[in-house]
Amino acid sequence: MNRPIRIAIFASGGGSNARSIMEHFQNSDDATVVLLGCNRKSAGVFNHAADFNIDSWHFTKDDLQNGNVLKKLEAFDVQLIVLAGFLLMVPESMVKAYPDRILNIHPALLPRYGGEGMYGMHVHKAVKNAGDPFSGMTIHLVNEHYDEGEILFQATTELTSDDTAESIAAKVLTLEHRYYPQVIESYCKTIV
């Protein structure tokens, strides 16, 4: 039997998606979360890593660019990188080192509402302002451009005229927690 796929999670904030992934894989034969990396020292996601006894570390944008993050990933024998609310651009060197091995989740139905600056409440406000009848989330592979990698999965939620950007965010987050761990697990089964 193959050993579990070794996952590193990158996050920038509170980490509710990271936590749902850690919970999902804590007793899995398919994958295990071995590392959490975060670019904000005070981010709440570090508490989740501690709850699950997962090694975590803070890195800077320079660390991402100069190869220090890649060295850390290699030291932990990471096979898959999962972005969970990670707001920095993944450098081309990392995309090349992990081809089709970096997953991201976006809080809208790409290709709409994607690209630089489109994250968090910025996305939900844009959806509200457009009057869209539905929103959702997209799980995709990461390439050299924001939110342009191959789409692996999308899920939608209906919206009403009463929805606010905050209520849209809550509806989309429910989808993210439900589906992201499942899609990661399915993707791990394709990694040889």
N, C-alpha and C. Protein backbone atom coordinates (compact mmCIF):
# COMPACT_ATOMS: atom_id res chain seq x y z
N MET A 1 0.84 -1.19 0.00
CA MET A 1 0.00 0.00 0.00
C MET A 1 0.88 1.25 0.00
N ASN A 2 0.47 2.23 -0.80
CA ASN A 2 1.22 3.49 -0.85
C ASN A 2 1.09 4.25 0.46
N ARG A 3 2.15 5.00 0.77
CA ARG A 3 2.07 5.82 1.97
C ARG A 3 1.19 7.04 1.68
N PRO A 4 0.64 7.66 2.71
CA PRO A 4 -0.22 8.83 2.48
C PRO A 4 0.53 9.97 1.81
N ILE A 5 -0.19 10.72 0.97
CA ILE A 5 0.35 11.91 0.34
C ILE A 5 0.61 12.95 1.43
N ARG A 6 1.77 13.58 1.37
CA ARG A 6 2.18 14.55 2.39
C ARG A 6 1.81 15.97 1.92
N ILE A 7 0.92 16.60 2.70
CA ILE A 7 0.35 17.90 2.33
C ILE A 7 0.93 19.01 3.19
N ALA A 8 1.22 20.14 2.54
CA ALA A 8 1.50 21.40 3.24
C ALA A 8 0.35 22.35 2.93
N ILE A 9 -0.16 23.01 3.96
CA ILE A 9 -1.19 24.02 3.79
C ILE A 9 -0.54 25.39 3.93
N PHE A 10 -0.87 26.28 3.00
CA PHE A 10 -0.46 27.69 3.10
C PHE A 10 -1.71 28.52 3.36
N ALA A 11 -1.65 29.40 4.35
CA ALA A 11 -2.78 30.25 4.69
C ALA A 11 -2.26 31.62 5.08
N SER A 12 -3.17 32.59 5.12
CA SER A 12 -2.79 33.95 5.51
C SER A 12 -3.64 34.51 6.64
N GLY A 13 -4.70 33.80 7.04
CA GLY A 13 -5.63 34.39 8.00
C GLY A 13 -6.07 33.45 9.10
N GLY A 14 -7.38 33.48 9.36
CA GLY A 14 -7.95 32.73 10.46
C GLY A 14 -7.89 31.23 10.29
N GLY A 15 -7.99 30.78 9.05
CA GLY A 15 -7.75 29.38 8.77
C GLY A 15 -8.90 28.42 8.98
N SER A 16 -10.14 28.86 8.75
CA SER A 16 -11.25 27.91 8.93
C SER A 16 -11.20 26.80 7.88
N ASN A 17 -10.80 27.12 6.65
CA ASN A 17 -10.64 26.07 5.64
C ASN A 17 -9.48 25.15 6.00
N ALA A 18 -8.38 25.73 6.48
CA ALA A 18 -7.25 24.91 6.90
C ALA A 18 -7.68 23.94 7.99
N ARG A 19 -8.47 24.42 8.94
CA ARG A 19 -8.93 23.55 10.02
C ARG A 19 -9.80 22.40 9.49
N SER A 20 -10.70 22.71 8.56
CA SER A 20 -11.56 21.65 8.03
C SER A 20 -10.72 20.60 7.29
N ILE A 21 -9.64 21.02 6.65
CA ILE A 21 -8.74 20.09 5.96
C ILE A 21 -7.98 19.25 6.99
N MET A 22 -7.46 19.89 8.02
CA MET A 22 -6.75 19.16 9.08
C MET A 22 -7.65 18.12 9.73
N GLU A 23 -8.88 18.50 10.02
CA GLU A 23 -9.84 17.56 10.62
C GLU A 23 -10.08 16.38 9.69
N HIS A 24 -10.28 16.68 8.42
CA HIS A 24 -10.62 15.64 7.44
C HIS A 24 -9.51 14.59 7.32
N PHE A 25 -8.26 15.05 7.36
CA PHE A 25 -7.15 14.13 7.10
C PHE A 25 -6.45 13.60 8.36
N GLN A 26 -6.99 13.90 9.54
CA GLN A 26 -6.26 13.50 10.75
C GLN A 26 -6.16 11.98 10.90
N ASN A 27 -7.10 11.23 10.34
CA ASN A 27 -7.04 9.76 10.43
C ASN A 27 -7.14 9.11 9.05
N SER A 28 -6.65 9.80 8.04
CA SER A 28 -6.80 9.33 6.66
C SER A 28 -5.63 8.43 6.24
N ASP A 29 -5.95 7.44 5.42
CA ASP A 29 -4.91 6.61 4.80
C ASP A 29 -4.41 7.23 3.50
N ASP A 30 -5.17 8.18 2.96
CA ASP A 30 -4.84 8.76 1.65
C ASP A 30 -3.86 9.92 1.74
N ALA A 31 -3.96 10.71 2.78
CA ALA A 31 -3.12 11.91 2.89
C ALA A 31 -2.98 12.32 4.34
N THR A 32 -1.93 13.08 4.60
CA THR A 32 -1.70 13.63 5.93
C THR A 32 -1.14 15.03 5.81
N VAL A 33 -1.63 15.93 6.64
CA VAL A 33 -1.11 17.29 6.67
C VAL A 33 0.13 17.29 7.54
N VAL A 34 1.28 17.63 6.96
CA VAL A 34 2.54 17.56 7.70
C VAL A 34 3.10 18.94 8.04
N LEU A 35 2.53 20.00 7.42
CA LEU A 35 3.13 21.32 7.58
C LEU A 35 2.11 22.40 7.28
N LEU A 36 2.18 23.48 8.07
CA LEU A 36 1.40 24.67 7.79
C LEU A 36 2.36 25.84 7.66
N GLY A 37 2.24 26.59 6.57
CA GLY A 37 3.03 27.80 6.38
C GLY A 37 2.11 29.00 6.30
N CYS A 38 2.53 30.10 6.92
CA CYS A 38 1.71 31.30 6.93
C CYS A 38 2.59 32.54 6.84
N ASN A 39 2.13 33.53 6.09
CA ASN A 39 2.91 34.75 5.89
C ASN A 39 2.53 35.86 6.87
N ARG A 40 1.65 35.58 7.82
CA ARG A 40 1.29 36.58 8.83
C ARG A 40 1.54 35.99 10.22
N LYS A 41 2.41 36.64 10.98
CA LYS A 41 2.84 36.11 12.29
C LYS A 41 1.70 35.90 13.26
N SER A 42 0.70 36.78 13.23
CA SER A 42 -0.37 36.73 14.23
C SER A 42 -1.63 36.03 13.72
N ALA A 43 -1.55 35.33 12.61
CA ALA A 43 -2.74 34.70 12.02
C ALA A 43 -3.30 33.60 12.91
N GLY A 44 -4.62 33.52 12.96
CA GLY A 44 -5.29 32.52 13.78
C GLY A 44 -5.05 31.09 13.34
N VAL A 45 -4.64 30.91 12.10
CA VAL A 45 -4.43 29.56 11.58
C VAL A 45 -3.37 28.80 12.38
N PHE A 46 -2.43 29.51 13.00
CA PHE A 46 -1.41 28.83 13.80
C PHE A 46 -2.04 28.06 14.97
N ASN A 47 -3.14 28.58 15.51
CA ASN A 47 -3.83 27.88 16.60
C ASN A 47 -4.39 26.54 16.13
N HIS A 48 -4.90 26.51 14.91
CA HIS A 48 -5.44 25.26 14.37
C HIS A 48 -4.33 24.22 14.19
N ALA A 49 -3.20 24.66 13.66
CA ALA A 49 -2.07 23.74 13.50
C ALA A 49 -1.66 23.17 14.85
N ALA A 50 -1.62 24.01 15.87
CA ALA A 50 -1.25 23.54 17.22
C ALA A 50 -2.26 22.52 17.73
N ASP A 51 -3.55 22.76 17.47
CA ASP A 51 -4.60 21.83 17.92
C ASP A 51 -4.39 20.43 17.35
N PHE A 52 -3.83 20.36 16.14
CA PHE A 52 -3.65 19.07 15.47
C PHE A 52 -2.20 18.60 15.49
N ASN A 53 -1.36 19.26 16.29
CA ASN A 53 0.06 18.90 16.39
C ASN A 53 0.76 18.87 15.04
N ILE A 54 0.44 19.87 14.21
CA ILE A 54 1.05 19.99 12.89
C ILE A 54 2.13 21.05 12.95
N ASP A 55 3.31 20.73 12.44
CA ASP A 55 4.40 21.69 12.39
C ASP A 55 3.96 22.92 11.62
N SER A 56 4.32 24.09 12.13
CA SER A 56 3.95 25.32 11.42
C SER A 56 5.11 26.30 11.47
N TRP A 57 5.12 27.21 10.49
CA TRP A 57 6.16 28.23 10.48
C TRP A 57 5.69 29.46 9.74
N HIS A 58 6.24 30.59 10.16
CA HIS A 58 5.97 31.86 9.52
C HIS A 58 7.05 32.12 8.48
N PHE A 59 6.64 32.54 7.30
CA PHE A 59 7.62 32.92 6.29
C PHE A 59 7.23 34.27 5.69
N THR A 60 8.20 34.91 5.08
CA THR A 60 7.98 36.22 4.46
C THR A 60 7.84 36.08 2.95
N LYS A 61 7.45 37.17 2.34
CA LYS A 61 7.37 37.21 0.87
C LYS A 61 8.75 36.93 0.28
N ASP A 62 9.80 37.46 0.92
CA ASP A 62 11.17 37.19 0.45
C ASP A 62 11.49 35.70 0.52
N ASP A 63 11.08 35.04 1.61
CA ASP A 63 11.31 33.60 1.75
C ASP A 63 10.66 32.83 0.60
N LEU A 64 9.50 33.30 0.18
CA LEU A 64 8.78 32.66 -0.91
C LEU A 64 9.55 32.82 -2.22
N GLN A 65 10.15 33.99 -2.41
CA GLN A 65 10.84 34.30 -3.66
C GLN A 65 12.25 33.71 -3.72
N ASN A 66 12.95 33.64 -2.57
CA ASN A 66 14.37 33.27 -2.61
C ASN A 66 14.64 31.77 -2.43
N GLY A 67 13.60 30.97 -2.35
CA GLY A 67 13.80 29.52 -2.28
C GLY A 67 13.76 28.94 -0.87
N ASN A 68 13.68 29.79 0.15
CA ASN A 68 13.64 29.26 1.52
C ASN A 68 12.40 28.40 1.77
N VAL A 69 11.27 28.82 1.20
CA VAL A 69 10.04 28.03 1.38
C VAL A 69 10.18 26.68 0.67
N LEU A 70 10.74 26.70 -0.52
CA LEU A 70 10.95 25.44 -1.24
C LEU A 70 11.84 24.48 -0.45
N LYS A 71 12.87 25.02 0.18
CA LYS A 71 13.76 24.18 0.99
C LYS A 71 13.00 23.54 2.15
N LYS A 72 12.13 24.31 2.77
CA LYS A 72 11.33 23.79 3.89
C LYS A 72 10.40 22.68 3.40
N LEU A 73 9.77 22.88 2.26
CA LEU A 73 8.88 21.87 1.70
C LEU A 73 9.65 20.58 1.39
N GLU A 74 10.83 20.73 0.85
CA GLU A 74 11.66 19.55 0.55
C GLU A 74 12.07 18.83 1.82
N ALA A 75 12.40 19.60 2.87
CA ALA A 75 12.80 18.99 4.14
C ALA A 75 11.68 18.16 4.74
N PHE A 76 10.43 18.55 4.49
CA PHE A 76 9.28 17.82 5.00
C PHE A 76 8.72 16.82 3.98
N ASP A 77 9.40 16.66 2.87
CA ASP A 77 8.99 15.72 1.82
C ASP A 77 7.54 15.96 1.39
N VAL A 78 7.19 17.24 1.21
CA VAL A 78 5.83 17.61 0.83
C VAL A 78 5.58 17.23 -0.63
N GLN A 79 4.43 16.62 -0.87
CA GLN A 79 4.06 16.20 -2.22
C GLN A 79 2.93 17.03 -2.83
N LEU A 80 2.17 17.72 -1.97
CA LEU A 80 1.03 18.52 -2.44
C LEU A 80 0.92 19.76 -1.56
N ILE A 81 0.76 20.91 -2.21
CA ILE A 81 0.55 22.17 -1.49
C ILE A 81 -0.91 22.57 -1.67
N VAL A 82 -1.55 22.90 -0.56
CA VAL A 82 -2.95 23.30 -0.57
C VAL A 82 -3.03 24.73 -0.04
N LEU A 83 -3.53 25.64 -0.88
CA LEU A 83 -3.71 27.02 -0.47
C LEU A 83 -5.10 27.17 0.14
N ALA A 84 -5.14 27.75 1.33
CA ALA A 84 -6.42 27.91 2.05
C ALA A 84 -6.48 29.34 2.57
N GLY A 85 -6.91 30.25 1.72
CA GLY A 85 -6.92 31.65 2.11
C GLY A 85 -5.53 32.24 2.12
N PHE A 86 -4.71 31.81 1.18
CA PHE A 86 -3.34 32.31 1.06
C PHE A 86 -3.33 33.45 0.05
N LEU A 87 -2.87 34.63 0.47
CA LEU A 87 -3.06 35.82 -0.34
C LEU A 87 -1.85 36.24 -1.16
N LEU A 88 -0.73 35.59 -1.00
CA LEU A 88 0.45 35.94 -1.80
C LEU A 88 0.46 35.16 -3.11
N MET A 89 1.07 35.76 -4.11
CA MET A 89 1.25 35.09 -5.40
C MET A 89 2.28 33.97 -5.23
N VAL A 90 1.95 32.80 -5.71
CA VAL A 90 2.90 31.69 -5.69
C VAL A 90 3.91 31.93 -6.80
N PRO A 91 5.21 31.96 -6.46
CA PRO A 91 6.20 32.27 -7.49
C PRO A 91 6.33 31.16 -8.53
N GLU A 92 6.76 31.55 -9.71
CA GLU A 92 6.90 30.60 -10.82
C GLU A 92 7.82 29.44 -10.46
N SER A 93 8.86 29.72 -9.67
CA SER A 93 9.79 28.65 -9.27
C SER A 93 9.08 27.55 -8.49
N MET A 94 8.11 27.93 -7.68
CA MET A 94 7.36 26.93 -6.91
C MET A 94 6.37 26.17 -7.80
N VAL A 95 5.74 26.89 -8.71
CA VAL A 95 4.82 26.24 -9.65
C VAL A 95 5.57 25.19 -10.47
N LYS A 96 6.81 25.53 -10.87
CA LYS A 96 7.62 24.58 -11.65
C LYS A 96 8.09 23.41 -10.80
N ALA A 97 8.38 23.66 -9.52
CA ALA A 97 8.84 22.59 -8.62
C ALA A 97 7.70 21.65 -8.25
N TYR A 98 6.46 22.15 -8.29
CA TYR A 98 5.28 21.36 -7.93
C TYR A 98 4.23 21.44 -9.05
N PRO A 99 4.57 20.94 -10.25
CA PRO A 99 3.62 21.04 -11.36
C PRO A 99 2.36 20.22 -11.08
N ASP A 100 1.21 20.86 -11.20
CA ASP A 100 -0.09 20.22 -10.93
C ASP A 100 -0.15 19.65 -9.52
N ARG A 101 0.61 20.24 -8.61
CA ARG A 101 0.63 19.79 -7.22
C ARG A 101 0.33 20.92 -6.25
N ILE A 102 -0.28 22.01 -6.75
CA ILE A 102 -0.69 23.12 -5.89
C ILE A 102 -2.17 23.38 -6.17
N LEU A 103 -2.99 23.25 -5.13
CA LEU A 103 -4.43 23.49 -5.25
C LEU A 103 -4.79 24.79 -4.55
N ASN A 104 -5.80 25.47 -5.08
CA ASN A 104 -6.30 26.69 -4.46
C ASN A 104 -7.82 26.67 -4.45
N ILE A 105 -8.38 27.41 -3.51
CA ILE A 105 -9.82 27.59 -3.47
C ILE A 105 -10.11 29.07 -3.61
N HIS A 106 -11.11 29.39 -4.43
CA HIS A 106 -11.47 30.78 -4.68
C HIS A 106 -12.96 30.96 -4.36
N PRO A 107 -13.33 32.06 -3.65
CA PRO A 107 -14.72 32.20 -3.19
C PRO A 107 -15.67 32.80 -4.23
N ALA A 108 -15.55 32.33 -5.46
CA ALA A 108 -16.47 32.74 -6.53
C ALA A 108 -16.37 31.70 -7.64
N LEU A 109 -17.24 31.86 -8.62
CA LEU A 109 -17.27 30.92 -9.74
C LEU A 109 -16.37 31.47 -10.84
N LEU A 110 -15.12 31.04 -10.80
CA LEU A 110 -14.18 31.47 -11.84
C LEU A 110 -14.67 31.03 -13.20
N PRO A 111 -14.38 31.77 -14.27
CA PRO A 111 -13.41 32.86 -14.35
C PRO A 111 -13.93 34.22 -13.88
N ARG A 112 -15.19 34.31 -13.47
CA ARG A 112 -15.69 35.60 -12.97
C ARG A 112 -15.10 35.90 -11.60
N TYR A 113 -14.87 37.15 -11.34
CA TYR A 113 -14.43 37.63 -10.02
C TYR A 113 -13.11 37.02 -9.58
N GLY A 114 -12.20 36.83 -10.52
CA GLY A 114 -10.87 36.33 -10.20
C GLY A 114 -9.81 37.37 -10.52
N GLY A 115 -8.58 37.04 -10.20
CA GLY A 115 -7.47 37.91 -10.52
C GLY A 115 -6.95 38.67 -9.32
N GLU A 116 -5.94 39.46 -9.55
CA GLU A 116 -5.29 40.20 -8.48
C GLU A 116 -6.27 41.12 -7.77
N GLY A 117 -6.24 41.10 -6.45
CA GLY A 117 -7.11 41.95 -5.65
C GLY A 117 -8.49 41.37 -5.40
N MET A 118 -8.81 40.27 -6.05
CA MET A 118 -10.12 39.65 -5.88
C MET A 118 -10.00 38.51 -4.86
N TYR A 119 -10.21 38.86 -3.61
CA TYR A 119 -10.17 37.87 -2.53
C TYR A 119 -11.13 38.31 -1.44
N GLY A 120 -11.53 37.36 -0.62
CA GLY A 120 -12.37 37.66 0.54
C GLY A 120 -13.59 38.51 0.21
N MET A 121 -13.83 39.52 1.04
CA MET A 121 -15.03 40.34 0.89
C MET A 121 -15.03 41.15 -0.41
N HIS A 122 -13.88 41.41 -1.00
CA HIS A 122 -13.84 42.10 -2.29
C HIS A 122 -14.65 41.31 -3.32
N VAL A 123 -14.50 39.99 -3.27
CA VAL A 123 -15.22 39.12 -4.21
C VAL A 123 -16.72 39.18 -3.93
N HIS A 124 -17.10 39.01 -2.68
CA HIS A 124 -18.52 38.94 -2.34
C HIS A 124 -19.24 40.27 -2.59
N LYS A 125 -18.54 41.38 -2.37
CA LYS A 125 -19.13 42.69 -2.69
C LYS A 125 -19.33 42.84 -4.20
N ALA A 126 -18.38 42.34 -4.99
CA ALA A 126 -18.52 42.41 -6.45
C ALA A 126 -19.70 41.57 -6.93
N VAL A 127 -19.87 40.40 -6.33
CA VAL A 127 -21.00 39.53 -6.69
C VAL A 127 -22.31 40.23 -6.34
N LYS A 128 -22.38 40.80 -5.14
CA LYS A 128 -23.59 41.52 -4.69
C LYS A 128 -23.89 42.69 -5.62
N ASN A 129 -22.86 43.48 -5.92
CA ASN A 129 -23.06 44.66 -6.77
C ASN A 129 -23.50 44.29 -8.17
N ALA A 130 -23.10 43.11 -8.63
CA ALA A 130 -23.50 42.67 -9.97
C ALA A 130 -24.93 42.12 -9.99
N GLY A 131 -25.49 41.84 -8.81
CA GLY A 131 -26.85 41.30 -8.74
C GLY A 131 -26.95 39.87 -9.22
N ASP A 132 -25.88 39.11 -9.13
CA ASP A 132 -25.90 37.73 -9.60
C ASP A 132 -26.93 36.89 -8.82
N PRO A 133 -27.62 35.98 -9.50
CA PRO A 133 -28.60 35.14 -8.81
C PRO A 133 -27.97 33.97 -8.05
N PHE A 134 -26.69 33.74 -8.27
CA PHE A 134 -26.00 32.69 -7.53
C PHE A 134 -24.52 33.02 -7.44
N SER A 135 -23.86 32.39 -6.49
CA SER A 135 -22.42 32.48 -6.37
C SER A 135 -21.92 31.08 -6.04
N GLY A 136 -20.70 30.98 -5.57
CA GLY A 136 -20.17 29.67 -5.25
C GLY A 136 -18.68 29.73 -5.04
N MET A 137 -18.07 28.59 -5.21
CA MET A 137 -16.61 28.53 -5.03
C MET A 137 -16.01 27.62 -6.08
N THR A 138 -14.72 27.87 -6.31
CA THR A 138 -13.98 27.13 -7.32
C THR A 138 -12.70 26.57 -6.70
N ILE A 139 -12.43 25.31 -6.98
CA ILE A 139 -11.16 24.69 -6.61
C ILE A 139 -10.39 24.47 -7.91
N HIS A 140 -9.15 24.96 -7.94
CA HIS A 140 -8.39 24.89 -9.18
C HIS A 140 -6.91 24.65 -8.91
N LEU A 141 -6.23 24.19 -9.95
CA LEU A 141 -4.78 24.08 -9.89
C LEU A 141 -4.18 25.47 -10.00
N VAL A 142 -3.00 25.65 -9.44
CA VAL A 142 -2.33 26.94 -9.47
C VAL A 142 -1.30 26.95 -10.59
N ASN A 143 -1.33 28.04 -11.37
CA ASN A 143 -0.28 28.26 -12.36
C ASN A 143 0.37 29.61 -12.07
N GLU A 144 1.03 30.20 -13.06
CA GLU A 144 1.78 31.44 -12.84
C GLU A 144 0.89 32.67 -12.76
N HIS A 145 -0.41 32.54 -12.95
CA HIS A 145 -1.31 33.69 -12.96
C HIS A 145 -2.41 33.49 -11.92
N TYR A 146 -2.79 34.57 -11.25
CA TYR A 146 -3.87 34.50 -10.26
C TYR A 146 -5.14 33.89 -10.85
N ASP A 147 -5.61 32.82 -10.24
CA ASP A 147 -6.94 32.25 -10.50
C ASP A 147 -7.16 31.79 -11.94
N GLU A 148 -6.08 31.41 -12.63
CA GLU A 148 -6.24 30.98 -14.02
C GLU A 148 -5.91 29.52 -14.25
N GLY A 149 -5.56 28.77 -13.21
CA GLY A 149 -5.23 27.36 -13.38
C GLY A 149 -6.46 26.52 -13.69
N GLU A 150 -6.20 25.30 -14.12
CA GLU A 150 -7.28 24.38 -14.49
C GLU A 150 -8.29 24.21 -13.36
N ILE A 151 -9.57 24.36 -13.68
CA ILE A 151 -10.64 24.20 -12.69
C ILE A 151 -10.90 22.71 -12.46
N LEU A 152 -10.89 22.32 -11.18
CA LEU A 152 -11.15 20.93 -10.81
C LEU A 152 -12.57 20.72 -10.35
N PHE A 153 -13.15 21.75 -9.70
CA PHE A 153 -14.48 21.57 -9.09
C PHE A 153 -15.10 22.92 -8.81
N GLN A 154 -16.41 23.00 -8.99
CA GLN A 154 -17.16 24.19 -8.60
C GLN A 154 -18.46 23.76 -7.93
N ALA A 155 -18.91 24.55 -6.97
CA ALA A 155 -20.20 24.35 -6.33
C ALA A 155 -20.89 25.70 -6.23
N THR A 156 -22.22 25.71 -6.34
CA THR A 156 -22.96 26.96 -6.36
C THR A 156 -23.95 27.03 -5.21
N THR A 157 -24.34 28.27 -4.91
CA THR A 157 -25.39 28.54 -3.93
C THR A 157 -26.27 29.65 -4.49
N GLU A 158 -27.57 29.50 -4.28
CA GLU A 158 -28.49 30.53 -4.77
C GLU A 158 -28.41 31.76 -3.89
N LEU A 159 -28.60 32.91 -4.51
CA LEU A 159 -28.63 34.18 -3.79
C LEU A 159 -30.00 34.82 -3.97
N THR A 160 -30.36 35.66 -3.01
CA THR A 160 -31.60 36.44 -3.12
C THR A 160 -31.23 37.92 -3.05
N SER A 161 -32.20 38.75 -3.36
CA SER A 161 -31.95 40.19 -3.30
C SER A 161 -31.69 40.65 -1.87
N ASP A 162 -32.09 39.85 -0.89
CA ASP A 162 -31.86 40.19 0.52
C ASP A 162 -30.43 39.88 0.97
N ASP A 163 -29.71 39.08 0.19
CA ASP A 163 -28.35 38.71 0.60
C ASP A 163 -27.45 39.94 0.62
N THR A 164 -26.60 39.98 1.62
CA THR A 164 -25.56 41.00 1.71
C THR A 164 -24.23 40.34 1.35
N ALA A 165 -23.20 41.14 1.20
CA ALA A 165 -21.87 40.55 0.95
C ALA A 165 -21.50 39.59 2.06
N GLU A 166 -21.88 39.93 3.30
CA GLU A 166 -21.57 39.07 4.44
C GLU A 166 -22.34 37.76 4.39
N SER A 167 -23.60 37.80 4.01
CA SER A 167 -24.38 36.55 3.95
C SER A 167 -23.93 35.70 2.76
N ILE A 168 -23.52 36.36 1.68
CA ILE A 168 -22.96 35.61 0.54
C ILE A 168 -21.68 34.90 0.99
N ALA A 169 -20.84 35.62 1.73
CA ALA A 169 -19.60 35.02 2.24
C ALA A 169 -19.89 33.80 3.08
N ALA A 170 -20.90 33.88 3.94
CA ALA A 170 -21.24 32.75 4.81
C ALA A 170 -21.72 31.55 4.00
N LYS A 171 -22.54 31.80 2.98
CA LYS A 171 -23.04 30.71 2.14
C LYS A 171 -21.90 30.03 1.39
N VAL A 172 -20.99 30.84 0.85
CA VAL A 172 -19.86 30.29 0.09
C VAL A 172 -18.92 29.53 1.01
N LEU A 173 -18.68 30.04 2.21
CA LEU A 173 -17.79 29.36 3.16
C LEU A 173 -18.33 27.98 3.53
N THR A 174 -19.64 27.86 3.65
CA THR A 174 -20.24 26.55 3.93
C THR A 174 -19.89 25.56 2.82
N LEU A 175 -19.96 26.02 1.57
CA LEU A 175 -19.59 25.16 0.43
C LEU A 175 -18.11 24.79 0.50
N GLU A 176 -17.27 25.77 0.83
CA GLU A 176 -15.83 25.52 0.89
C GLU A 176 -15.51 24.44 1.92
N HIS A 177 -16.07 24.56 3.11
CA HIS A 177 -15.80 23.58 4.17
C HIS A 177 -16.31 22.19 3.78
N ARG A 178 -17.43 22.15 3.07
CA ARG A 178 -18.01 20.87 2.69
C ARG A 178 -17.18 20.16 1.62
N TYR A 179 -16.73 20.92 0.62
CA TYR A 179 -16.17 20.28 -0.57
C TYR A 179 -14.65 20.28 -0.68
N TYR A 180 -13.97 21.27 -0.11
CA TYR A 180 -12.52 21.35 -0.32
C TYR A 180 -11.80 20.09 0.17
N PRO A 181 -12.06 19.62 1.40
CA PRO A 181 -11.36 18.40 1.83
C PRO A 181 -11.65 17.19 0.93
N GLN A 182 -12.89 17.08 0.46
CA GLN A 182 -13.25 15.95 -0.41
C GLN A 182 -12.51 16.00 -1.74
N VAL A 183 -12.42 17.20 -2.32
CA VAL A 183 -11.74 17.35 -3.60
C VAL A 183 -10.24 17.08 -3.43
N ILE A 184 -9.67 17.55 -2.33
CA ILE A 184 -8.26 17.27 -2.06
C ILE A 184 -8.04 15.77 -1.95
N GLU A 185 -8.92 15.09 -1.23
CA GLU A 185 -8.78 13.64 -1.07
C GLU A 185 -8.86 12.93 -2.42
N SER A 186 -9.81 13.32 -3.24
CA SER A 186 -9.92 12.71 -4.58
C SER A 186 -8.67 12.98 -5.40
N TYR A 187 -8.16 14.20 -5.31
CA TYR A 187 -6.97 14.56 -6.08
C TYR A 187 -5.76 13.77 -5.61
N CYS A 188 -5.65 13.55 -4.31
CA CYS A 188 -4.52 12.78 -3.77
C CYS A 188 -4.48 11.37 -4.38
N LYS A 189 -5.62 10.83 -4.68
CA LYS A 189 -5.68 9.47 -5.25
C LYS A 189 -5.16 9.43 -6.68
N THR A 190 -5.01 10.60 -7.31
CA THR A 190 -4.48 10.64 -8.68
C THR A 190 -2.96 10.82 -8.69
N ILE A 191 -2.39 11.14 -7.52
CA ILE A 191 -0.95 11.39 -7.43
C ILE A 191 -0.22 10.06 -7.27
N VAL A 192 0.73 9.83 -8.13
CA VAL A 192 1.49 8.56 -8.08
C VAL A 192 2.85 8.82 -7.46
